[in-house]
Amino acid sequence: MAIDKFEASLKKLEEIVTRLETGSLSLEDSLKAFEEGVKHSAFCSSRLEDAERRVEILLKQKDGSLKREPFDAGEG
């Protein structure tokens, strides 16, 4: 399922960031980890954009207009 892949990719990205922050990797390993992290970041960003578009579709009014409301992460 795509959600599983998103979660796995996000977890991998977090692990890469942690490894890079330790400063214990060689330059070559750091570059490889960074490159992998960029790929995971792009994938996650794409999936989040897809989810945003789906939410907008769900918020369409009966007359077909789109009611946009600001997203507040602190609510609900």
PDB file of N, CA and C in Angstrom:
ATOM      1  N   MET A   1       0.845  -1.179   0.000  1.00  0.00           N
ATOM      2  CA  MET A   1       0.000   0.000   0.000  1.00  0.00           C
ATOM      3  C   MET A   1       0.889   1.240   0.000  1.00  0.00           C
ATOM      4  N   ALA A   2       0.440   2.305  -0.665  1.00  0.00           N
ATOM      5  CA  ALA A   2       1.230   3.525  -0.800  1.00  0.00           C
ATOM      6  C   ALA A   2       1.532   4.173   0.545  1.00  0.00           C
ATOM      7  N   ILE A   3       0.607   4.084   1.477  1.00  0.00           N
ATOM      8  CA  ILE A   3       0.834   4.668   2.799  1.00  0.00           C
ATOM      9  C   ILE A   3       2.024   3.993   3.460  1.00  0.00           C
ATOM     10  N   ASP A   4       2.088   2.675   3.347  1.00  0.00           N
ATOM     11  CA  ASP A   4       3.212   1.943   3.921  1.00  0.00           C
ATOM     12  C   ASP A   4       4.530   2.409   3.303  1.00  0.00           C
ATOM     13  N   LYS A   5       4.527   2.628   1.995  1.00  0.00           N
ATOM     14  CA  LYS A   5       5.740   3.055   1.325  1.00  0.00           C
ATOM     15  C   LYS A   5       6.128   4.462   1.781  1.00  0.00           C
ATOM     16  N   PHE A   6       5.133   5.339   1.953  1.00  0.00           N
ATOM     17  CA  PHE A   6       5.410   6.686   2.450  1.00  0.00           C
ATOM     18  C   PHE A   6       6.026   6.612   3.839  1.00  0.00           C
ATOM     19  N   GLU A   7       5.402   5.843   4.723  1.00  0.00           N
ATOM     20  CA  GLU A   7       5.894   5.724   6.098  1.00  0.00           C
ATOM     21  C   GLU A   7       7.308   5.142   6.120  1.00  0.00           C
ATOM     22  N   ALA A   8       7.551   4.137   5.292  1.00  0.00           N
ATOM     23  CA  ALA A   8       8.878   3.527   5.235  1.00  0.00           C
ATOM     24  C   ALA A   8       9.910   4.523   4.717  1.00  0.00           C
ATOM     25  N   SER A   9       9.534   5.285   3.711  1.00  0.00           N
ATOM     26  CA  SER A   9      10.444   6.266   3.140  1.00  0.00           C
ATOM     27  C   SER A   9      10.730   7.385   4.135  1.00  0.00           C
ATOM     28  N   LEU A  10       9.721   7.821   4.855  1.00  0.00           N
ATOM     29  CA  LEU A  10       9.903   8.860   5.872  1.00  0.00           C
ATOM     30  C   LEU A  10      10.820   8.360   6.992  1.00  0.00           C
ATOM     31  N   LYS A  11      10.606   7.125   7.410  1.00  0.00           N
ATOM     32  CA  LYS A  11      11.451   6.538   8.466  1.00  0.00           C
ATOM     33  C   LYS A  11      12.903   6.450   7.983  1.00  0.00           C
ATOM     34  N   LYS A  12      13.098   6.034   6.750  1.00  0.00           N
ATOM     35  CA  LYS A  12      14.444   5.930   6.188  1.00  0.00           C
ATOM     36  C   LYS A  12      15.097   7.313   6.130  1.00  0.00           C
ATOM     37  N   LEU A  13      14.327   8.321   5.745  1.00  0.00           N
ATOM     38  CA  LEU A  13      14.836   9.687   5.688  1.00  0.00           C
ATOM     39  C   LEU A  13      15.277  10.151   7.076  1.00  0.00           C
ATOM     40  N   GLU A  14      14.474   9.854   8.087  1.00  0.00           N
ATOM     41  CA  GLU A  14      14.830  10.223   9.457  1.00  0.00           C
ATOM     42  C   GLU A  14      16.120   9.522   9.893  1.00  0.00           C
ATOM     43  N   GLU A  15      16.270   8.262   9.517  1.00  0.00           N
ATOM     44  CA  GLU A  15      17.488   7.521   9.856  1.00  0.00           C
ATOM     45  C   GLU A  15      18.716   8.127   9.172  1.00  0.00           C
ATOM     46  N   ILE A  16      18.546   8.530   7.926  1.00  0.00           N
ATOM     47  CA  ILE A  16      19.658   9.135   7.186  1.00  0.00           C
ATOM     48  C   ILE A  16      20.067  10.450   7.845  1.00  0.00           C
ATOM     49  N   VAL A  17      19.094  11.266   8.207  1.00  0.00           N
ATOM     50  CA  VAL A  17      19.388  12.537   8.863  1.00  0.00           C
ATOM     51  C   VAL A  17      20.152  12.294  10.163  1.00  0.00           C
ATOM     52  N   THR A  18      19.717  11.316  10.927  1.00  0.00           N
ATOM     53  CA  THR A  18      20.393  10.993  12.184  1.00  0.00           C
ATOM     54  C   THR A  18      21.843  10.587  11.931  1.00  0.00           C
ATOM     55  N   ARG A  19      22.055   9.740  10.924  1.00  0.00           N
ATOM     56  CA  ARG A  19      23.419   9.298  10.595  1.00  0.00           C
ATOM     57  C   ARG A  19      24.288  10.472  10.159  1.00  0.00           C
ATOM     58  N   LEU A  20      23.707  11.363   9.342  1.00  0.00           N
ATOM     59  CA  LEU A  20      24.474  12.517   8.880  1.00  0.00           C
ATOM     60  C   LEU A  20      24.801  13.468  10.026  1.00  0.00           C
ATOM     61  N   GLU A  21      23.877  13.608  10.952  1.00  0.00           N
ATOM     62  CA  GLU A  21      24.089  14.530  12.080  1.00  0.00           C
ATOM     63  C   GLU A  21      25.180  14.052  13.033  1.00  0.00           C
ATOM     64  N   THR A  22      25.453  12.759  13.065  1.00  0.00           N
ATOM     65  CA  THR A  22      26.493  12.260  13.964  1.00  0.00           C
ATOM     66  C   THR A  22      27.877  12.719  13.531  1.00  0.00           C
ATOM     67  N   GLY A  23      28.033  12.955  12.235  1.00  0.00           N
ATOM     68  CA  GLY A  23      29.325  13.394  11.722  1.00  0.00           C
ATOM     69  C   GLY A  23      30.365  12.290  11.661  1.00  0.00           C
ATOM     70  N   SER A  24      29.938  11.055  11.838  1.00  0.00           N
ATOM     71  CA  SER A  24      30.890   9.944  11.873  1.00  0.00           C
ATOM     72  C   SER A  24      31.095   9.284  10.505  1.00  0.00           C
ATOM     73  N   LEU A  25      30.332   9.691   9.502  1.00  0.00           N
ATOM     74  CA  LEU A  25      30.468   9.090   8.174  1.00  0.00           C
ATOM     75  C   LEU A  25      31.617   9.739   7.411  1.00  0.00           C
ATOM     76  N   SER A  26      32.228   8.959   6.551  1.00  0.00           N
ATOM     77  CA  SER A  26      33.251   9.523   5.671  1.00  0.00           C
ATOM     78  C   SER A  26      32.566  10.456   4.669  1.00  0.00           C
ATOM     79  N   LEU A  27      33.364  11.246   3.990  1.00  0.00           N
ATOM     80  CA  LEU A  27      32.807  12.161   2.997  1.00  0.00           C
ATOM     81  C   LEU A  27      32.021  11.395   1.939  1.00  0.00           C
ATOM     82  N   GLU A  28      32.589  10.307   1.441  1.00  0.00           N
ATOM     83  CA  GLU A  28      31.924   9.511   0.397  1.00  0.00           C
ATOM     84  C   GLU A  28      30.614   8.920   0.909  1.00  0.00           C
ATOM     85  N   ASP A  29      30.642   8.367   2.121  1.00  0.00           N
ATOM     86  CA  ASP A  29      29.418   7.802   2.702  1.00  0.00           C
ATOM     87  C   ASP A  29      28.382   8.880   2.978  1.00  0.00           C
ATOM     88  N   SER A  30      28.851  10.052   3.383  1.00  0.00           N
ATOM     89  CA  SER A  30      27.935  11.169   3.617  1.00  0.00           C
ATOM     90  C   SER A  30      27.243  11.584   2.327  1.00  0.00           C
ATOM     91  N   LEU A  31      28.009  11.635   1.246  1.00  0.00           N
ATOM     92  CA  LEU A  31      27.434  12.006  -0.048  1.00  0.00           C
ATOM     93  C   LEU A  31      26.407  10.975  -0.519  1.00  0.00           C
ATOM     94  N   LYS A  32      26.729   9.705  -0.328  1.00  0.00           N
ATOM     95  CA  LYS A  32      25.795   8.641  -0.709  1.00  0.00           C
ATOM     96  C   LYS A  32      24.512   8.731   0.132  1.00  0.00           C
ATOM     97  N   ALA A  33      24.677   8.940   1.427  1.00  0.00           N
ATOM     98  CA  ALA A  33      23.516   9.052   2.313  1.00  0.00           C
ATOM     99  C   ALA A  33      22.686  10.272   1.940  1.00  0.00           C
ATOM    100  N   PHE A  34      23.353  11.389   1.654  1.00  0.00           N
ATOM    101  CA  PHE A  34      22.643  12.600   1.267  1.00  0.00           C
ATOM    102  C   PHE A  34      21.848  12.379  -0.018  1.00  0.00           C
ATOM    103  N   GLU A  35      22.471  11.733  -0.993  1.00  0.00           N
ATOM    104  CA  GLU A  35      21.795  11.447  -2.264  1.00  0.00           C
ATOM    105  C   GLU A  35      20.553  10.577  -2.033  1.00  0.00           C
ATOM    106  N   GLU A  36      20.698   9.560  -1.194  1.00  0.00           N
ATOM    107  CA  GLU A  36      19.556   8.702  -0.874  1.00  0.00           C
ATOM    108  C   GLU A  36      18.481   9.502  -0.149  1.00  0.00           C
ATOM    109  N   GLY A  37      18.892  10.377   0.743  1.00  0.00           N
ATOM    110  CA  GLY A  37      17.946  11.213   1.480  1.00  0.00           C
ATOM    111  C   GLY A  37      17.160  12.144   0.570  1.00  0.00           C
ATOM    112  N   VAL A  38      17.831  12.700  -0.423  1.00  0.00           N
ATOM    113  CA  VAL A  38      17.154  13.585  -1.381  1.00  0.00           C
ATOM    114  C   VAL A  38      16.071  12.814  -2.132  1.00  0.00           C
ATOM    115  N   LYS A  39      16.361  11.578  -2.492  1.00  0.00           N
ATOM    116  CA  LYS A  39      15.367  10.754  -3.197  1.00  0.00           C
ATOM    117  C   LYS A  39      14.160  10.472  -2.307  1.00  0.00           C
ATOM    118  N   HIS A  40      14.413  10.131  -1.037  1.00  0.00           N
ATOM    119  CA  HIS A  40      13.311   9.879  -0.110  1.00  0.00           C
ATOM    120  C   HIS A  40      12.507  11.159   0.146  1.00  0.00           C
ATOM    121  N   SER A  41      13.194  12.268   0.260  1.00  0.00           N
ATOM    122  CA  SER A  41      12.522  13.546   0.483  1.00  0.00           C
ATOM    123  C   SER A  41      11.610  13.903  -0.695  1.00  0.00           C
ATOM    124  N   ALA A  42      12.104  13.714  -1.901  1.00  0.00           N
ATOM    125  CA  ALA A  42      11.306  14.008  -3.095  1.00  0.00           C
ATOM    126  C   ALA A  42      10.085  13.096  -3.165  1.00  0.00           C
ATOM    127  N   PHE A  43      10.277  11.825  -2.841  1.00  0.00           N
ATOM    128  CA  PHE A  43       9.151  10.886  -2.853  1.00  0.00           C
ATOM    129  C   PHE A  43       8.096  11.309  -1.836  1.00  0.00           C
ATOM    130  N   CYS A  44       8.529  11.597  -0.616  1.00  0.00           N
ATOM    131  CA  CYS A  44       7.579  11.987   0.436  1.00  0.00           C
ATOM    132  C   CYS A  44       6.849  13.283   0.067  1.00  0.00           C
ATOM    133  N   SER A  45       7.585  14.235  -0.467  1.00  0.00           N
ATOM    134  CA  SER A  45       6.985  15.501  -0.879  1.00  0.00           C
ATOM    135  C   SER A  45       5.921  15.278  -1.952  1.00  0.00           C
ATOM    136  N   SER A  46       6.218  14.422  -2.909  1.00  0.00           N
ATOM    137  CA  SER A  46       5.267  14.109  -3.972  1.00  0.00           C
ATOM    138  C   SER A  46       3.994  13.462  -3.419  1.00  0.00           C
ATOM    139  N   ARG A  47       4.175  12.524  -2.505  1.00  0.00           N
ATOM    140  CA  ARG A  47       3.007  11.843  -1.904  1.00  0.00           C
ATOM    141  C   ARG A  47       2.169  12.825  -1.098  1.00  0.00           C
ATOM    142  N   LEU A  48       2.803  13.757  -0.400  1.00  0.00           N
ATOM    143  CA  LEU A  48       2.060  14.751   0.374  1.00  0.00           C
ATOM    144  C   LEU A  48       1.284  15.700  -0.545  1.00  0.00           C
ATOM    145  N   GLU A  49       1.885  16.068  -1.665  1.00  0.00           N
ATOM    146  CA  GLU A  49       1.187  16.908  -2.640  1.00  0.00           C
ATOM    147  C   GLU A  49      -0.027  16.172  -3.208  1.00  0.00           C
ATOM    148  N   ASP A  50       0.130  14.881  -3.499  1.00  0.00           N
ATOM    149  CA  ASP A  50      -0.998  14.071  -3.977  1.00  0.00           C
ATOM    150  C   ASP A  50      -2.113  14.046  -2.940  1.00  0.00           C
ATOM    151  N   ALA A  51      -1.750  13.882  -1.682  1.00  0.00           N
ATOM    152  CA  ALA A  51      -2.742  13.837  -0.612  1.00  0.00           C
ATOM    153  C   ALA A  51      -3.467  15.177  -0.501  1.00  0.00           C
ATOM    154  N   GLU A  52      -2.739  16.267  -0.652  1.00  0.00           N
ATOM    155  CA  GLU A  52      -3.364  17.591  -0.594  1.00  0.00           C
ATOM    156  C   GLU A  52      -4.396  17.761  -1.706  1.00  0.00           C
ATOM    157  N   ARG A  53      -4.053  17.306  -2.907  1.00  0.00           N
ATOM    158  CA  ARG A  53      -5.005  17.403  -4.024  1.00  0.00           C
ATOM    159  C   ARG A  53      -6.254  16.564  -3.750  1.00  0.00           C
ATOM    160  N   ARG A  54      -6.073  15.400  -3.157  1.00  0.00           N
ATOM    161  CA  ARG A  54      -7.229  14.543  -2.840  1.00  0.00           C
ATOM    162  C   ARG A  54      -8.117  15.199  -1.793  1.00  0.00           C
ATOM    163  N   VAL A  55      -7.513  15.850  -0.811  1.00  0.00           N
ATOM    164  CA  VAL A  55      -8.297  16.531   0.218  1.00  0.00           C
ATOM    165  C   VAL A  55      -9.090  17.670  -0.410  1.00  0.00           C
ATOM    166  N   GLU A  56      -8.473  18.421  -1.313  1.00  0.00           N
ATOM    167  CA  GLU A  56      -9.185  19.513  -1.981  1.00  0.00           C
ATOM    168  C   GLU A  56     -10.402  18.986  -2.742  1.00  0.00           C
ATOM    169  N   ILE A  57     -10.255  17.842  -3.379  1.00  0.00           N
ATOM    170  CA  ILE A  57     -11.383  17.250  -4.097  1.00  0.00           C
ATOM    171  C   ILE A  57     -12.502  16.924  -3.122  1.00  0.00           C
ATOM    172  N   LEU A  58     -12.152  16.409  -1.968  1.00  0.00           N
ATOM    173  CA  LEU A  58     -13.156  16.051  -0.966  1.00  0.00           C
ATOM    174  C   LEU A  58     -13.845  17.278  -0.375  1.00  0.00           C
ATOM    175  N   LEU A  59     -13.228  18.441  -0.465  1.00  0.00           N
ATOM    176  CA  LEU A  59     -13.805  19.652   0.098  1.00  0.00           C
ATOM    177  C   LEU A  59     -14.679  20.423  -0.892  1.00  0.00           C
ATOM    178  N   LYS A  60     -14.856  19.886  -2.105  1.00  0.00           N
ATOM    179  CA  LYS A  60     -15.691  20.575  -3.080  1.00  0.00           C
ATOM    180  C   LYS A  60     -17.113  20.706  -2.567  1.00  0.00           C
ATOM    181  N   GLN A  61     -17.697  21.854  -2.834  1.00  0.00           N
ATOM    182  CA  GLN A  61     -19.071  22.127  -2.428  1.00  0.00           C
ATOM    183  C   GLN A  61     -20.047  21.455  -3.388  1.00  0.00           C
ATOM    184  N   LYS A  62     -21.306  21.383  -2.981  1.00  0.00           N
ATOM    185  CA  LYS A  62     -22.320  20.746  -3.822  1.00  0.00           C
ATOM    186  C   LYS A  62     -22.434  21.416  -5.182  1.00  0.00           C
ATOM    187  N   ASP A  63     -22.204  22.733  -5.223  1.00  0.00           N
ATOM    188  CA  ASP A  63     -22.314  23.445  -6.495  1.00  0.00           C
ATOM    189  C   ASP A  63     -21.041  23.324  -7.346  1.00  0.00           C
ATOM    190  N   GLY A  64     -20.084  22.544  -6.867  1.00  0.00           N
ATOM    191  CA  GLY A  64     -18.853  22.318  -7.618  1.00  0.00           C
ATOM    192  C   GLY A  64     -17.729  23.259  -7.246  1.00  0.00           C
ATOM    193  N   SER A  65     -18.044  24.301  -6.488  1.00  0.00           N
ATOM    194  CA  SER A  65     -16.985  25.219  -6.072  1.00  0.00           C
ATOM    195  C   SER A  65     -16.138  24.574  -4.982  1.00  0.00           C
ATOM    196  N   LEU A  66     -14.947  25.059  -4.864  1.00  0.00           N
ATOM    197  CA  LEU A  66     -14.026  24.507  -3.881  1.00  0.00           C
ATOM    198  C   LEU A  66     -13.937  25.451  -2.699  1.00  0.00           C
ATOM    199  N   LYS A  67     -14.220  24.931  -1.552  1.00  0.00           N
ATOM    200  CA  LYS A  67     -14.132  25.734  -0.338  1.00  0.00           C
ATOM    201  C   LYS A  67     -12.765  25.465   0.276  1.00  0.00           C
ATOM    202  N   ARG A  68     -11.886  26.435   0.168  1.00  0.00           N
ATOM    203  CA  ARG A  68     -10.546  26.282   0.731  1.00  0.00           C
ATOM    204  C   ARG A  68     -10.520  26.862   2.130  1.00  0.00           C
ATOM    205  N   GLU A  69      -9.969  26.083   3.009  1.00  0.00           N
ATOM    206  CA  GLU A  69      -9.796  26.533   4.373  1.00  0.00           C
ATOM    207  C   GLU A  69      -8.349  26.298   4.748  1.00  0.00           C
ATOM    208  N   PRO A  70      -7.759  27.218   5.495  1.00  0.00           N
ATOM    209  CA  PRO A  70      -6.356  26.999   5.882  1.00  0.00           C
ATOM    210  C   PRO A  70      -6.222  25.783   6.765  1.00  0.00           C
ATOM    211  N   PHE A  71      -5.167  25.047   6.537  1.00  0.00           N
ATOM    212  CA  PHE A  71      -4.909  23.849   7.342  1.00  0.00           C
ATOM    213  C   PHE A  71      -4.213  24.283   8.617  1.00  0.00           C
ATOM    214  N   ASP A  72      -4.760  23.876   9.738  1.00  0.00           N
ATOM    215  CA  ASP A  72      -4.162  24.187  11.024  1.00  0.00           C
ATOM    216  C   ASP A  72      -3.762  22.883  11.680  1.00  0.00           C
ATOM    217  N   ALA A  73      -2.479  22.590  11.698  1.00  0.00           N
ATOM    218  CA  ALA A  73      -1.991  21.329  12.247  1.00  0.00           C
ATOM    219  C   ALA A  73      -2.280  21.187  13.726  1.00  0.00           C
ATOM    220  N   GLY A  74      -2.566  22.275  14.410  1.00  0.00           N
ATOM    221  CA  GLY A  74      -2.829  22.225  15.827  1.00  0.00           C
ATOM    222  C   GLY A  74      -4.237  21.794  16.175  1.00  0.00           C
ATOM    223  N   GLU A  75      -5.125  21.794  15.213  1.00  0.00           N
ATOM    224  CA  GLU A  75      -6.512  21.409  15.471  1.00  0.00           C
ATOM    225  C   GLU A  75      -6.694  19.916  15.290  1.00  0.00           C
ATOM    226  N   GLY A  76      -7.693  19.379  16.013  1.00  0.00           N
ATOM    227  CA  GLY A  76      -8.127  17.991  15.845  1.00  0.00           C
ATOM    228  C   GLY A  76      -7.052  17.037  16.141  1.00  0.00           C
TER     229      GLY A  76
END
